[in-house]
Amino acid sequence: MLEADNLECVRGERRLFAGLGFRLEAGELLYLQGKNGAGKTSLLRMIIGLLPPEAGEIRWKGQSIKSDDFRADLCYLGHLNAIKEELTPLENLLAAARLADEELSEDDAIDALEQVGLAGREDLACKYLSQGQKRRVALARLVKEKRPLWVLDEPFVALDVAAVEWLAGIISGHLQRGGLAVMTTHQLVDIPAGTVRELRLS
């Protein structure tokens, strides 16, 4: 369970939001919506523990998100792809798993890349891929991801229709397994399973 109580965010001299709260249970997805500059990414950074709130508290399973248990349960995918251009998709995926202290075999990594439509490009340096293909490299992490809380910042950016449908299915499967997700997006996508909640920042 992920809870936020009475959160306040101030950036510079501007208060982006105050008195914000939500509660997310297993199998639920929270859509964060709002115009650019409304504080969506700031809220995500609070949720993952990178930005302390001006006021309020965020808890995971009833405990502060400052605990090691929270970090072990968290999968964060940012707006940027966070891949090394000189490495191949396969090398990037294996390196990401090692950094996250997760077990991922080369066969499983290849399977994940095939699922995101990168079969035949596993060993091509990422600098030669299109923006959509680079995004798929980043998203391939989610294929084998077992951590219960996913925090996703604009995951559908640069994806074609088929890839959007694939990713919606991956998120749906995560919710069906009892996972939770918090996501920002400028395009509402139908997630065919789980409970979808919306939070609009203005």
N, C-alpha and C. Protein backbone atom coordinates (compact mmCIF):
# COMPACT_ATOMS: atom_id res chain seq x y z
N MET A 1 0.83 -1.19 0.00
CA MET A 1 0.00 0.00 0.00
C MET A 1 0.88 1.25 0.00
N LEU A 2 0.56 2.20 -0.86
CA LEU A 2 1.28 3.47 -0.96
C LEU A 2 0.34 4.58 -0.52
N GLU A 3 0.79 5.37 0.44
CA GLU A 3 -0.04 6.46 0.96
C GLU A 3 0.73 7.77 0.94
N ALA A 4 0.01 8.84 0.64
CA ALA A 4 0.56 10.19 0.73
C ALA A 4 -0.43 11.05 1.49
N ASP A 5 0.07 11.81 2.49
CA ASP A 5 -0.79 12.65 3.31
C ASP A 5 -0.30 14.09 3.31
N ASN A 6 -1.20 14.99 2.93
CA ASN A 6 -0.98 16.43 3.10
C ASN A 6 0.34 16.91 2.48
N LEU A 7 0.64 16.42 1.28
CA LEU A 7 1.91 16.79 0.63
C LEU A 7 1.88 18.23 0.13
N GLU A 8 3.02 18.89 0.28
CA GLU A 8 3.19 20.24 -0.26
C GLU A 8 4.51 20.27 -1.03
N CYS A 9 4.47 20.91 -2.19
CA CYS A 9 5.67 21.03 -3.02
C CYS A 9 5.91 22.49 -3.37
N VAL A 10 7.10 22.98 -3.07
CA VAL A 10 7.50 24.34 -3.41
C VAL A 10 8.78 24.27 -4.21
N ARG A 11 8.78 24.87 -5.39
CA ARG A 11 9.98 24.92 -6.23
C ARG A 11 10.32 26.38 -6.47
N GLY A 12 11.50 26.81 -5.99
CA GLY A 12 11.83 28.22 -6.05
C GLY A 12 10.90 29.00 -5.13
N GLU A 13 10.20 29.98 -5.68
CA GLU A 13 9.23 30.76 -4.90
C GLU A 13 7.80 30.37 -5.22
N ARG A 14 7.62 29.29 -5.96
CA ARG A 14 6.29 28.90 -6.41
C ARG A 14 5.82 27.63 -5.70
N ARG A 15 4.61 27.68 -5.16
CA ARG A 15 4.00 26.49 -4.57
C ARG A 15 3.25 25.75 -5.68
N LEU A 16 3.68 24.53 -5.97
CA LEU A 16 3.06 23.77 -7.05
C LEU A 16 1.78 23.09 -6.58
N PHE A 17 1.80 22.57 -5.37
CA PHE A 17 0.58 21.99 -4.81
C PHE A 17 0.72 21.91 -3.29
N ALA A 18 -0.42 21.78 -2.62
CA ALA A 18 -0.43 21.66 -1.17
C ALA A 18 -1.67 20.86 -0.76
N GLY A 19 -1.59 20.21 0.39
CA GLY A 19 -2.72 19.43 0.89
C GLY A 19 -3.06 18.22 0.05
N LEU A 20 -2.07 17.70 -0.68
CA LEU A 20 -2.33 16.60 -1.61
C LEU A 20 -2.19 15.26 -0.89
N GLY A 21 -3.12 14.36 -1.17
CA GLY A 21 -3.04 13.03 -0.58
C GLY A 21 -3.68 11.99 -1.48
N PHE A 22 -3.25 10.76 -1.32
CA PHE A 22 -3.85 9.64 -2.04
C PHE A 22 -3.50 8.35 -1.32
N ARG A 23 -4.21 7.30 -1.68
CA ARG A 23 -3.97 5.98 -1.12
C ARG A 23 -4.11 4.97 -2.25
N LEU A 24 -3.10 4.13 -2.43
CA LEU A 24 -3.08 3.18 -3.53
C LEU A 24 -2.89 1.78 -2.97
N GLU A 25 -3.78 0.88 -3.37
CA GLU A 25 -3.75 -0.51 -2.90
C GLU A 25 -3.23 -1.43 -4.01
N ALA A 26 -3.01 -2.68 -3.66
CA ALA A 26 -2.57 -3.68 -4.64
C ALA A 26 -3.56 -3.76 -5.79
N GLY A 27 -3.03 -3.81 -7.02
CA GLY A 27 -3.87 -3.91 -8.20
C GLY A 27 -4.41 -2.59 -8.70
N GLU A 28 -3.87 -1.47 -8.16
CA GLU A 28 -4.37 -0.15 -8.56
C GLU A 28 -3.30 0.66 -9.27
N LEU A 29 -3.76 1.47 -10.22
CA LEU A 29 -2.91 2.38 -10.99
C LEU A 29 -3.37 3.81 -10.74
N LEU A 30 -2.43 4.70 -10.46
CA LEU A 30 -2.73 6.12 -10.29
C LEU A 30 -2.18 6.90 -11.48
N TYR A 31 -3.11 7.50 -12.24
CA TYR A 31 -2.73 8.40 -13.33
C TYR A 31 -2.54 9.80 -12.78
N LEU A 32 -1.36 10.38 -12.95
CA LEU A 32 -1.14 11.77 -12.59
C LEU A 32 -1.31 12.61 -13.85
N GLN A 33 -2.19 13.59 -13.78
CA GLN A 33 -2.47 14.43 -14.93
C GLN A 33 -2.26 15.90 -14.58
N GLY A 34 -2.10 16.72 -15.60
CA GLY A 34 -1.93 18.15 -15.39
C GLY A 34 -1.06 18.75 -16.48
N LYS A 35 -1.12 20.05 -16.61
CA LYS A 35 -0.33 20.76 -17.61
C LYS A 35 1.16 20.69 -17.26
N ASN A 36 1.99 21.00 -18.24
CA ASN A 36 3.42 21.10 -17.98
C ASN A 36 3.67 22.13 -16.89
N GLY A 37 4.50 21.78 -15.93
CA GLY A 37 4.80 22.69 -14.84
C GLY A 37 3.86 22.59 -13.66
N ALA A 38 2.88 21.67 -13.73
CA ALA A 38 1.92 21.53 -12.63
C ALA A 38 2.50 20.78 -11.44
N GLY A 39 3.60 20.07 -11.65
CA GLY A 39 4.24 19.37 -10.54
C GLY A 39 4.18 17.86 -10.63
N LYS A 40 3.84 17.33 -11.81
CA LYS A 40 3.72 15.86 -11.93
C LYS A 40 5.06 15.17 -11.68
N THR A 41 6.11 15.62 -12.35
CA THR A 41 7.42 14.99 -12.17
C THR A 41 7.95 15.23 -10.76
N SER A 42 7.67 16.41 -10.21
CA SER A 42 8.09 16.68 -8.82
C SER A 42 7.42 15.70 -7.87
N LEU A 43 6.13 15.42 -8.09
CA LEU A 43 5.44 14.46 -7.24
C LEU A 43 6.05 13.06 -7.39
N LEU A 44 6.36 12.67 -8.62
CA LEU A 44 7.02 11.37 -8.82
C LEU A 44 8.34 11.32 -8.07
N ARG A 45 9.10 12.40 -8.13
CA ARG A 45 10.39 12.43 -7.43
C ARG A 45 10.20 12.34 -5.92
N MET A 46 9.11 12.90 -5.42
CA MET A 46 8.79 12.73 -4.00
C MET A 46 8.48 11.28 -3.69
N ILE A 47 7.68 10.65 -4.55
CA ILE A 47 7.26 9.27 -4.31
C ILE A 47 8.45 8.32 -4.28
N ILE A 48 9.45 8.57 -5.12
CA ILE A 48 10.60 7.66 -5.16
C ILE A 48 11.70 8.08 -4.18
N GLY A 49 11.47 9.17 -3.45
CA GLY A 49 12.40 9.56 -2.41
C GLY A 49 13.54 10.47 -2.82
N LEU A 50 13.47 11.04 -4.01
CA LEU A 50 14.54 11.93 -4.49
C LEU A 50 14.29 13.40 -4.14
N LEU A 51 13.05 13.75 -3.83
CA LEU A 51 12.71 15.13 -3.51
C LEU A 51 11.89 15.15 -2.23
N PRO A 52 12.42 15.75 -1.16
CA PRO A 52 11.64 15.79 0.09
C PRO A 52 10.49 16.78 -0.04
N PRO A 53 9.31 16.43 0.45
CA PRO A 53 8.18 17.37 0.40
C PRO A 53 8.39 18.52 1.37
N GLU A 54 7.83 19.67 1.03
CA GLU A 54 7.87 20.82 1.94
C GLU A 54 7.08 20.50 3.21
N ALA A 55 6.03 19.71 3.04
CA ALA A 55 5.22 19.25 4.17
C ALA A 55 4.57 17.94 3.78
N GLY A 56 4.13 17.19 4.77
CA GLY A 56 3.45 15.93 4.50
C GLY A 56 4.37 14.74 4.55
N GLU A 57 3.81 13.57 4.27
CA GLU A 57 4.56 12.32 4.39
C GLU A 57 4.08 11.31 3.36
N ILE A 58 5.01 10.48 2.90
CA ILE A 58 4.68 9.37 2.00
C ILE A 58 5.10 8.08 2.71
N ARG A 59 4.20 7.08 2.69
CA ARG A 59 4.47 5.81 3.37
C ARG A 59 4.25 4.64 2.41
N TRP A 60 5.07 3.63 2.58
CA TRP A 60 4.95 2.38 1.82
C TRP A 60 4.76 1.25 2.82
N LYS A 61 3.64 0.56 2.71
CA LYS A 61 3.29 -0.50 3.67
C LYS A 61 3.31 0.01 5.10
N GLY A 62 2.87 1.24 5.27
CA GLY A 62 2.76 1.83 6.60
C GLY A 62 4.03 2.42 7.15
N GLN A 63 5.15 2.28 6.42
CA GLN A 63 6.44 2.77 6.89
C GLN A 63 6.96 3.88 5.98
N SER A 64 7.86 4.69 6.49
CA SER A 64 8.45 5.77 5.71
C SER A 64 9.15 5.21 4.48
N ILE A 65 9.11 5.96 3.38
CA ILE A 65 9.79 5.52 2.16
C ILE A 65 11.30 5.66 2.27
N LYS A 66 11.80 6.13 3.40
CA LYS A 66 13.24 6.22 3.60
C LYS A 66 13.86 4.87 3.92
N SER A 67 13.04 3.86 4.11
CA SER A 67 13.55 2.53 4.48
C SER A 67 14.14 1.79 3.29
N ASP A 68 15.05 0.87 3.58
CA ASP A 68 15.64 0.04 2.53
C ASP A 68 14.60 -0.87 1.89
N ASP A 69 13.60 -1.27 2.67
CA ASP A 69 12.55 -2.14 2.14
C ASP A 69 11.81 -1.47 0.99
N PHE A 70 11.60 -0.16 1.11
CA PHE A 70 10.91 0.56 0.04
C PHE A 70 11.73 0.54 -1.24
N ARG A 71 13.00 0.83 -1.15
CA ARG A 71 13.84 0.87 -2.35
C ARG A 71 13.91 -0.51 -3.01
N ALA A 72 13.88 -1.56 -2.22
CA ALA A 72 13.92 -2.91 -2.78
C ALA A 72 12.63 -3.26 -3.51
N ASP A 73 11.54 -2.56 -3.20
CA ASP A 73 10.24 -2.84 -3.82
C ASP A 73 9.92 -1.91 -4.98
N LEU A 74 10.82 -0.97 -5.29
CA LEU A 74 10.54 0.10 -6.25
C LEU A 74 11.22 -0.13 -7.59
N CYS A 75 10.45 0.07 -8.66
CA CYS A 75 11.00 0.14 -10.02
C CYS A 75 10.63 1.50 -10.59
N TYR A 76 11.62 2.30 -10.93
CA TYR A 76 11.38 3.64 -11.47
C TYR A 76 11.87 3.72 -12.90
N LEU A 77 11.00 4.21 -13.78
CA LEU A 77 11.37 4.44 -15.17
C LEU A 77 11.10 5.91 -15.48
N GLY A 78 12.17 6.67 -15.69
CA GLY A 78 12.04 8.11 -15.88
C GLY A 78 11.66 8.51 -17.29
N HIS A 79 11.46 9.81 -17.45
CA HIS A 79 11.12 10.37 -18.76
C HIS A 79 12.25 10.15 -19.76
N LEU A 80 13.50 10.25 -19.28
CA LEU A 80 14.65 9.95 -20.12
C LEU A 80 14.89 8.45 -20.12
N ASN A 81 15.48 7.94 -21.19
CA ASN A 81 15.62 6.49 -21.35
C ASN A 81 16.66 5.87 -20.43
N ALA A 82 17.65 6.64 -20.00
CA ALA A 82 18.70 6.14 -19.10
C ALA A 82 19.40 4.92 -19.69
N ILE A 83 19.76 5.03 -20.96
CA ILE A 83 20.55 3.98 -21.60
C ILE A 83 21.86 4.57 -22.10
N LYS A 84 22.86 3.72 -22.24
CA LYS A 84 24.15 4.13 -22.77
C LYS A 84 24.14 3.95 -24.28
N GLU A 85 24.37 5.04 -25.00
CA GLU A 85 24.29 5.02 -26.46
C GLU A 85 25.32 4.08 -27.09
N GLU A 86 26.48 3.95 -26.45
CA GLU A 86 27.54 3.12 -27.04
C GLU A 86 27.31 1.63 -26.78
N LEU A 87 26.44 1.30 -25.84
CA LEU A 87 26.15 -0.11 -25.56
C LEU A 87 25.00 -0.60 -26.43
N THR A 88 24.92 -1.90 -26.57
CA THR A 88 23.82 -2.51 -27.31
C THR A 88 22.58 -2.61 -26.41
N PRO A 89 21.39 -2.85 -26.99
CA PRO A 89 20.21 -3.08 -26.16
C PRO A 89 20.42 -4.20 -25.15
N LEU A 90 21.05 -5.29 -25.58
CA LEU A 90 21.30 -6.41 -24.68
C LEU A 90 22.22 -6.00 -23.54
N GLU A 91 23.30 -5.30 -23.85
CA GLU A 91 24.24 -4.86 -22.82
C GLU A 91 23.56 -3.89 -21.85
N ASN A 92 22.74 -2.99 -22.38
CA ASN A 92 22.03 -2.03 -21.53
C ASN A 92 21.09 -2.74 -20.57
N LEU A 93 20.37 -3.72 -21.07
CA LEU A 93 19.40 -4.42 -20.23
C LEU A 93 20.08 -5.22 -19.13
N LEU A 94 21.17 -5.91 -19.48
CA LEU A 94 21.91 -6.68 -18.48
C LEU A 94 22.56 -5.77 -17.45
N ALA A 95 23.08 -4.62 -17.90
CA ALA A 95 23.71 -3.68 -16.97
C ALA A 95 22.67 -3.09 -16.01
N ALA A 96 21.47 -2.77 -16.52
CA ALA A 96 20.41 -2.23 -15.67
C ALA A 96 20.01 -3.24 -14.60
N ALA A 97 19.95 -4.51 -14.96
CA ALA A 97 19.61 -5.55 -13.99
C ALA A 97 20.68 -5.65 -12.91
N ARG A 98 21.94 -5.58 -13.30
CA ARG A 98 23.03 -5.67 -12.31
C ARG A 98 22.98 -4.47 -11.35
N LEU A 99 22.73 -3.28 -11.90
CA LEU A 99 22.67 -2.08 -11.05
C LEU A 99 21.50 -2.16 -10.06
N ALA A 100 20.42 -2.81 -10.49
CA ALA A 100 19.25 -2.97 -9.62
C ALA A 100 19.35 -4.19 -8.72
N ASP A 101 20.50 -4.89 -8.80
CA ASP A 101 20.73 -6.10 -8.00
C ASP A 101 19.65 -7.15 -8.28
N GLU A 102 19.32 -7.32 -9.56
CA GLU A 102 18.32 -8.29 -9.98
C GLU A 102 18.98 -9.35 -10.85
N GLU A 103 18.46 -10.58 -10.77
CA GLU A 103 18.96 -11.66 -11.61
C GLU A 103 18.27 -11.60 -12.97
N LEU A 104 19.06 -11.56 -14.03
CA LEU A 104 18.53 -11.56 -15.39
C LEU A 104 19.52 -12.29 -16.28
N SER A 105 19.11 -13.43 -16.81
CA SER A 105 19.99 -14.18 -17.68
C SER A 105 20.01 -13.54 -19.07
N GLU A 106 21.02 -13.88 -19.85
CA GLU A 106 21.10 -13.36 -21.20
C GLU A 106 19.91 -13.83 -22.04
N ASP A 107 19.48 -15.06 -21.84
CA ASP A 107 18.32 -15.58 -22.58
C ASP A 107 17.06 -14.80 -22.23
N ASP A 108 16.87 -14.49 -20.94
CA ASP A 108 15.70 -13.72 -20.54
C ASP A 108 15.76 -12.30 -21.09
N ALA A 109 16.95 -11.73 -21.12
CA ALA A 109 17.10 -10.38 -21.67
C ALA A 109 16.78 -10.37 -23.16
N ILE A 110 17.24 -11.37 -23.89
CA ILE A 110 16.94 -11.46 -25.33
C ILE A 110 15.45 -11.63 -25.55
N ASP A 111 14.82 -12.46 -24.70
CA ASP A 111 13.36 -12.64 -24.80
C ASP A 111 12.63 -11.33 -24.57
N ALA A 112 13.07 -10.55 -23.58
CA ALA A 112 12.43 -9.26 -23.30
C ALA A 112 12.57 -8.31 -24.48
N LEU A 113 13.73 -8.29 -25.10
CA LEU A 113 13.95 -7.42 -26.25
C LEU A 113 13.11 -7.86 -27.44
N GLU A 114 12.92 -9.15 -27.59
CA GLU A 114 12.05 -9.65 -28.65
C GLU A 114 10.61 -9.19 -28.41
N GLN A 115 10.19 -9.23 -27.16
CA GLN A 115 8.83 -8.82 -26.83
C GLN A 115 8.57 -7.35 -27.13
N VAL A 116 9.59 -6.52 -27.02
CA VAL A 116 9.39 -5.10 -27.31
C VAL A 116 9.68 -4.77 -28.78
N GLY A 117 9.86 -5.80 -29.59
CA GLY A 117 10.02 -5.57 -31.03
C GLY A 117 11.43 -5.26 -31.49
N LEU A 118 12.43 -5.68 -30.70
CA LEU A 118 13.81 -5.40 -31.07
C LEU A 118 14.59 -6.65 -31.47
N ALA A 119 13.88 -7.68 -31.88
CA ALA A 119 14.55 -8.89 -32.37
C ALA A 119 15.42 -8.53 -33.56
N GLY A 120 16.67 -9.00 -33.52
CA GLY A 120 17.60 -8.70 -34.60
C GLY A 120 18.42 -7.45 -34.35
N ARG A 121 18.07 -6.69 -33.33
CA ARG A 121 18.82 -5.47 -33.01
C ARG A 121 19.48 -5.55 -31.63
N GLU A 122 19.51 -6.74 -31.06
CA GLU A 122 20.06 -6.90 -29.70
C GLU A 122 21.51 -6.47 -29.61
N ASP A 123 22.26 -6.65 -30.70
CA ASP A 123 23.70 -6.40 -30.67
C ASP A 123 24.11 -5.17 -31.47
N LEU A 124 23.14 -4.28 -31.73
CA LEU A 124 23.41 -3.04 -32.45
C LEU A 124 23.53 -1.90 -31.43
N ALA A 125 24.58 -1.10 -31.53
CA ALA A 125 24.74 0.00 -30.58
C ALA A 125 23.51 0.88 -30.58
N CYS A 126 23.08 1.31 -29.41
CA CYS A 126 21.83 2.06 -29.28
C CYS A 126 21.87 3.41 -30.02
N LYS A 127 23.06 3.93 -30.27
CA LYS A 127 23.14 5.21 -30.97
C LYS A 127 22.61 5.11 -32.40
N TYR A 128 22.48 3.90 -32.92
CA TYR A 128 21.96 3.72 -34.28
C TYR A 128 20.45 3.46 -34.30
N LEU A 129 19.81 3.44 -33.14
CA LEU A 129 18.39 3.16 -33.06
C LEU A 129 17.58 4.45 -33.14
N SER A 130 16.33 4.33 -33.56
CA SER A 130 15.42 5.48 -33.55
C SER A 130 15.02 5.81 -32.12
N GLN A 131 14.39 6.97 -31.93
CA GLN A 131 13.95 7.35 -30.59
C GLN A 131 12.94 6.35 -30.04
N GLY A 132 12.04 5.88 -30.90
CA GLY A 132 11.07 4.89 -30.45
C GLY A 132 11.73 3.59 -30.04
N GLN A 133 12.76 3.17 -30.79
CA GLN A 133 13.47 1.94 -30.45
C GLN A 133 14.26 2.09 -29.16
N LYS A 134 14.84 3.27 -28.94
CA LYS A 134 15.55 3.51 -27.68
C LYS A 134 14.59 3.45 -26.50
N ARG A 135 13.38 3.98 -26.70
CA ARG A 135 12.39 3.92 -25.63
C ARG A 135 12.03 2.47 -25.33
N ARG A 136 11.97 1.65 -26.37
CA ARG A 136 11.65 0.23 -26.18
C ARG A 136 12.76 -0.48 -25.40
N VAL A 137 14.01 -0.07 -25.61
CA VAL A 137 15.11 -0.66 -24.84
C VAL A 137 14.88 -0.39 -23.35
N ALA A 138 14.53 0.85 -23.01
CA ALA A 138 14.27 1.20 -21.62
C ALA A 138 13.08 0.42 -21.06
N LEU A 139 12.03 0.30 -21.87
CA LEU A 139 10.81 -0.37 -21.41
C LEU A 139 10.98 -1.88 -21.29
N ALA A 140 11.98 -2.44 -21.96
CA ALA A 140 12.21 -3.88 -21.88
C ALA A 140 12.48 -4.32 -20.45
N ARG A 141 12.94 -3.40 -19.60
CA ARG A 141 13.16 -3.73 -18.18
C ARG A 141 11.88 -4.24 -17.53
N LEU A 142 10.72 -3.75 -17.98
CA LEU A 142 9.47 -4.09 -17.33
C LEU A 142 9.00 -5.50 -17.63
N VAL A 143 9.53 -6.11 -18.69
CA VAL A 143 9.06 -7.45 -19.09
C VAL A 143 9.29 -8.46 -17.98
N LYS A 144 10.44 -8.44 -17.35
CA LYS A 144 10.79 -9.40 -16.30
C LYS A 144 10.74 -8.79 -14.91
N GLU A 145 10.25 -7.56 -14.81
CA GLU A 145 10.27 -6.84 -13.53
C GLU A 145 9.26 -7.41 -12.54
N LYS A 146 9.73 -7.75 -11.34
CA LYS A 146 8.87 -8.35 -10.32
C LYS A 146 8.63 -7.43 -9.11
N ARG A 147 9.26 -6.28 -9.08
CA ARG A 147 9.08 -5.39 -7.93
C ARG A 147 7.63 -4.88 -7.92
N PRO A 148 7.04 -4.76 -6.72
CA PRO A 148 5.61 -4.48 -6.66
C PRO A 148 5.19 -3.06 -7.02
N LEU A 149 6.06 -2.07 -6.85
CA LEU A 149 5.67 -0.69 -7.12
C LEU A 149 6.42 -0.16 -8.34
N TRP A 150 5.66 0.20 -9.38
CA TRP A 150 6.23 0.81 -10.58
C TRP A 150 5.88 2.28 -10.60
N VAL A 151 6.88 3.14 -10.80
CA VAL A 151 6.68 4.57 -10.96
C VAL A 151 7.20 4.94 -12.34
N LEU A 152 6.29 5.36 -13.22
CA LEU A 152 6.60 5.54 -14.63
C LEU A 152 6.31 6.98 -15.07
N ASP A 153 7.34 7.64 -15.59
CA ASP A 153 7.20 9.03 -16.03
C ASP A 153 7.10 9.05 -17.56
N GLU A 154 5.90 9.34 -18.07
CA GLU A 154 5.64 9.41 -19.51
C GLU A 154 6.15 8.16 -20.25
N PRO A 155 5.71 6.98 -19.88
CA PRO A 155 6.24 5.77 -20.51
C PRO A 155 5.84 5.59 -21.97
N PHE A 156 4.77 6.26 -22.42
CA PHE A 156 4.29 6.05 -23.78
C PHE A 156 4.91 7.00 -24.81
N VAL A 157 5.81 7.88 -24.36
CA VAL A 157 6.45 8.83 -25.27
C VAL A 157 7.22 8.10 -26.36
N ALA A 158 7.06 8.55 -27.60
CA ALA A 158 7.80 8.06 -28.78
C ALA A 158 7.41 6.65 -29.21
N LEU A 159 6.30 6.12 -28.68
CA LEU A 159 5.87 4.77 -29.05
C LEU A 159 4.79 4.82 -30.13
N ASP A 160 4.83 3.84 -31.03
CA ASP A 160 3.76 3.73 -32.02
C ASP A 160 2.56 3.02 -31.41
N VAL A 161 1.49 2.90 -32.19
CA VAL A 161 0.24 2.34 -31.66
C VAL A 161 0.43 0.93 -31.12
N ALA A 162 1.15 0.10 -31.87
CA ALA A 162 1.36 -1.28 -31.44
C ALA A 162 2.13 -1.34 -30.13
N ALA A 163 3.15 -0.49 -29.99
CA ALA A 163 3.95 -0.49 -28.75
C ALA A 163 3.14 0.04 -27.57
N VAL A 164 2.27 1.02 -27.82
CA VAL A 164 1.40 1.52 -26.75
C VAL A 164 0.50 0.40 -26.23
N GLU A 165 -0.07 -0.38 -27.15
CA GLU A 165 -0.93 -1.49 -26.75
C GLU A 165 -0.14 -2.55 -25.99
N TRP A 166 1.08 -2.82 -26.44
CA TRP A 166 1.93 -3.80 -25.75
C TRP A 166 2.22 -3.34 -24.33
N LEU A 167 2.60 -2.08 -24.16
CA LEU A 167 2.95 -1.57 -22.84
C LEU A 167 1.72 -1.56 -21.92
N ALA A 168 0.57 -1.21 -22.46
CA ALA A 168 -0.66 -1.25 -21.67
C ALA A 168 -0.90 -2.67 -21.16
N GLY A 169 -0.60 -3.67 -21.98
CA GLY A 169 -0.75 -5.06 -21.56
C GLY A 169 0.23 -5.44 -20.47
N ILE A 170 1.47 -4.95 -20.56
CA ILE A 170 2.48 -5.23 -19.55
C ILE A 170 2.07 -4.63 -18.20
N ILE A 171 1.58 -3.39 -18.23
CA ILE A 171 1.13 -2.73 -17.00
C ILE A 171 -0.09 -3.46 -16.44
N SER A 172 -1.00 -3.85 -17.32
CA SER A 172 -2.18 -4.60 -16.91
C SER A 172 -1.80 -5.90 -16.20
N GLY A 173 -0.83 -6.64 -16.76
CA GLY A 173 -0.38 -7.87 -16.14
C GLY A 173 0.22 -7.64 -14.77
N HIS A 174 0.95 -6.53 -14.62
CA HIS A 174 1.53 -6.16 -13.33
C HIS A 174 0.43 -5.93 -12.29
N LEU A 175 -0.63 -5.23 -12.68
CA LEU A 175 -1.74 -4.97 -11.76
C LEU A 175 -2.47 -6.27 -11.41
N GLN A 176 -2.64 -7.13 -12.39
CA GLN A 176 -3.31 -8.40 -12.15
C GLN A 176 -2.55 -9.26 -11.14
N ARG A 177 -1.24 -9.12 -11.11
CA ARG A 177 -0.42 -9.88 -10.15
C ARG A 177 -0.41 -9.22 -8.76
N GLY A 178 -1.17 -8.14 -8.60
CA GLY A 178 -1.21 -7.46 -7.31
C GLY A 178 -0.24 -6.32 -7.18
N GLY A 179 0.39 -5.92 -8.29
CA GLY A 179 1.30 -4.80 -8.25
C GLY A 179 0.57 -3.47 -8.21
N LEU A 180 1.33 -2.39 -7.95
CA LEU A 180 0.81 -1.04 -7.95
C LEU A 180 1.61 -0.23 -8.96
N ALA A 181 1.01 0.83 -9.50
CA ALA A 181 1.72 1.68 -10.44
C ALA A 181 1.26 3.12 -10.30
N VAL A 182 2.22 4.04 -10.42
CA VAL A 182 1.94 5.47 -10.49
C VAL A 182 2.54 5.95 -11.80
N MET A 183 1.76 6.71 -12.58
CA MET A 183 2.21 7.02 -13.93
C MET A 183 1.76 8.42 -14.35
N THR A 184 2.64 9.15 -14.99
CA THR A 184 2.25 10.40 -15.64
C THR A 184 2.15 10.12 -17.14
N THR A 185 1.20 10.77 -17.77
CA THR A 185 1.06 10.64 -19.22
C THR A 185 0.18 11.76 -19.75
N HIS A 186 0.51 12.25 -20.93
CA HIS A 186 -0.33 13.25 -21.59
C HIS A 186 -1.40 12.58 -22.43
N GLN A 187 -1.31 11.27 -22.60
CA GLN A 187 -2.30 10.53 -23.38
C GLN A 187 -2.88 9.42 -22.52
N LEU A 188 -4.16 9.52 -22.21
CA LEU A 188 -4.81 8.49 -21.42
C LEU A 188 -4.90 7.21 -22.25
N VAL A 189 -4.38 6.13 -21.72
CA VAL A 189 -4.35 4.85 -22.40
C VAL A 189 -5.21 3.87 -21.61
N ASP A 190 -6.01 3.10 -22.30
CA ASP A 190 -6.86 2.13 -21.64
C ASP A 190 -6.02 0.98 -21.10
N ILE A 191 -6.05 0.79 -19.78
CA ILE A 191 -5.37 -0.33 -19.13
C ILE A 191 -6.45 -1.37 -18.83
N PRO A 192 -6.40 -2.53 -19.49
CA PRO A 192 -7.54 -3.46 -19.44
C PRO A 192 -7.73 -4.25 -18.15
N ALA A 193 -6.95 -3.99 -17.13
CA ALA A 193 -7.12 -4.72 -15.87
C ALA A 193 -6.73 -3.81 -14.71
N GLY A 194 -7.17 -4.20 -13.53
CA GLY A 194 -6.85 -3.41 -12.35
C GLY A 194 -7.81 -2.24 -12.20
N THR A 195 -7.61 -1.49 -11.12
CA THR A 195 -8.41 -0.29 -10.85
C THR A 195 -7.60 0.94 -11.19
N VAL A 196 -8.14 1.81 -12.02
CA VAL A 196 -7.43 3.01 -12.44
C VAL A 196 -8.01 4.23 -11.71
N ARG A 197 -7.14 4.97 -11.04
CA ARG A 197 -7.53 6.20 -10.36
C ARG A 197 -6.84 7.37 -11.05
N GLU A 198 -7.42 8.54 -10.94
CA GLU A 198 -6.85 9.72 -11.57
C GLU A 198 -6.64 10.81 -10.53
N LEU A 199 -5.52 11.52 -10.64
CA LEU A 199 -5.21 12.65 -9.78
C LEU A 199 -4.72 13.79 -10.68
N ARG A 200 -5.47 14.87 -10.71
CA ARG A 200 -5.12 16.00 -11.58
C ARG A 200 -4.49 17.11 -10.77
N LEU A 201 -3.31 17.55 -11.20
CA LEU A 201 -2.63 18.68 -10.60
C LEU A 201 -2.92 19.91 -11.45
N SER A 202 -3.22 21.03 -10.79
CA SER A 202 -3.56 22.23 -11.55
C SER A 202 -2.68 23.39 -11.12
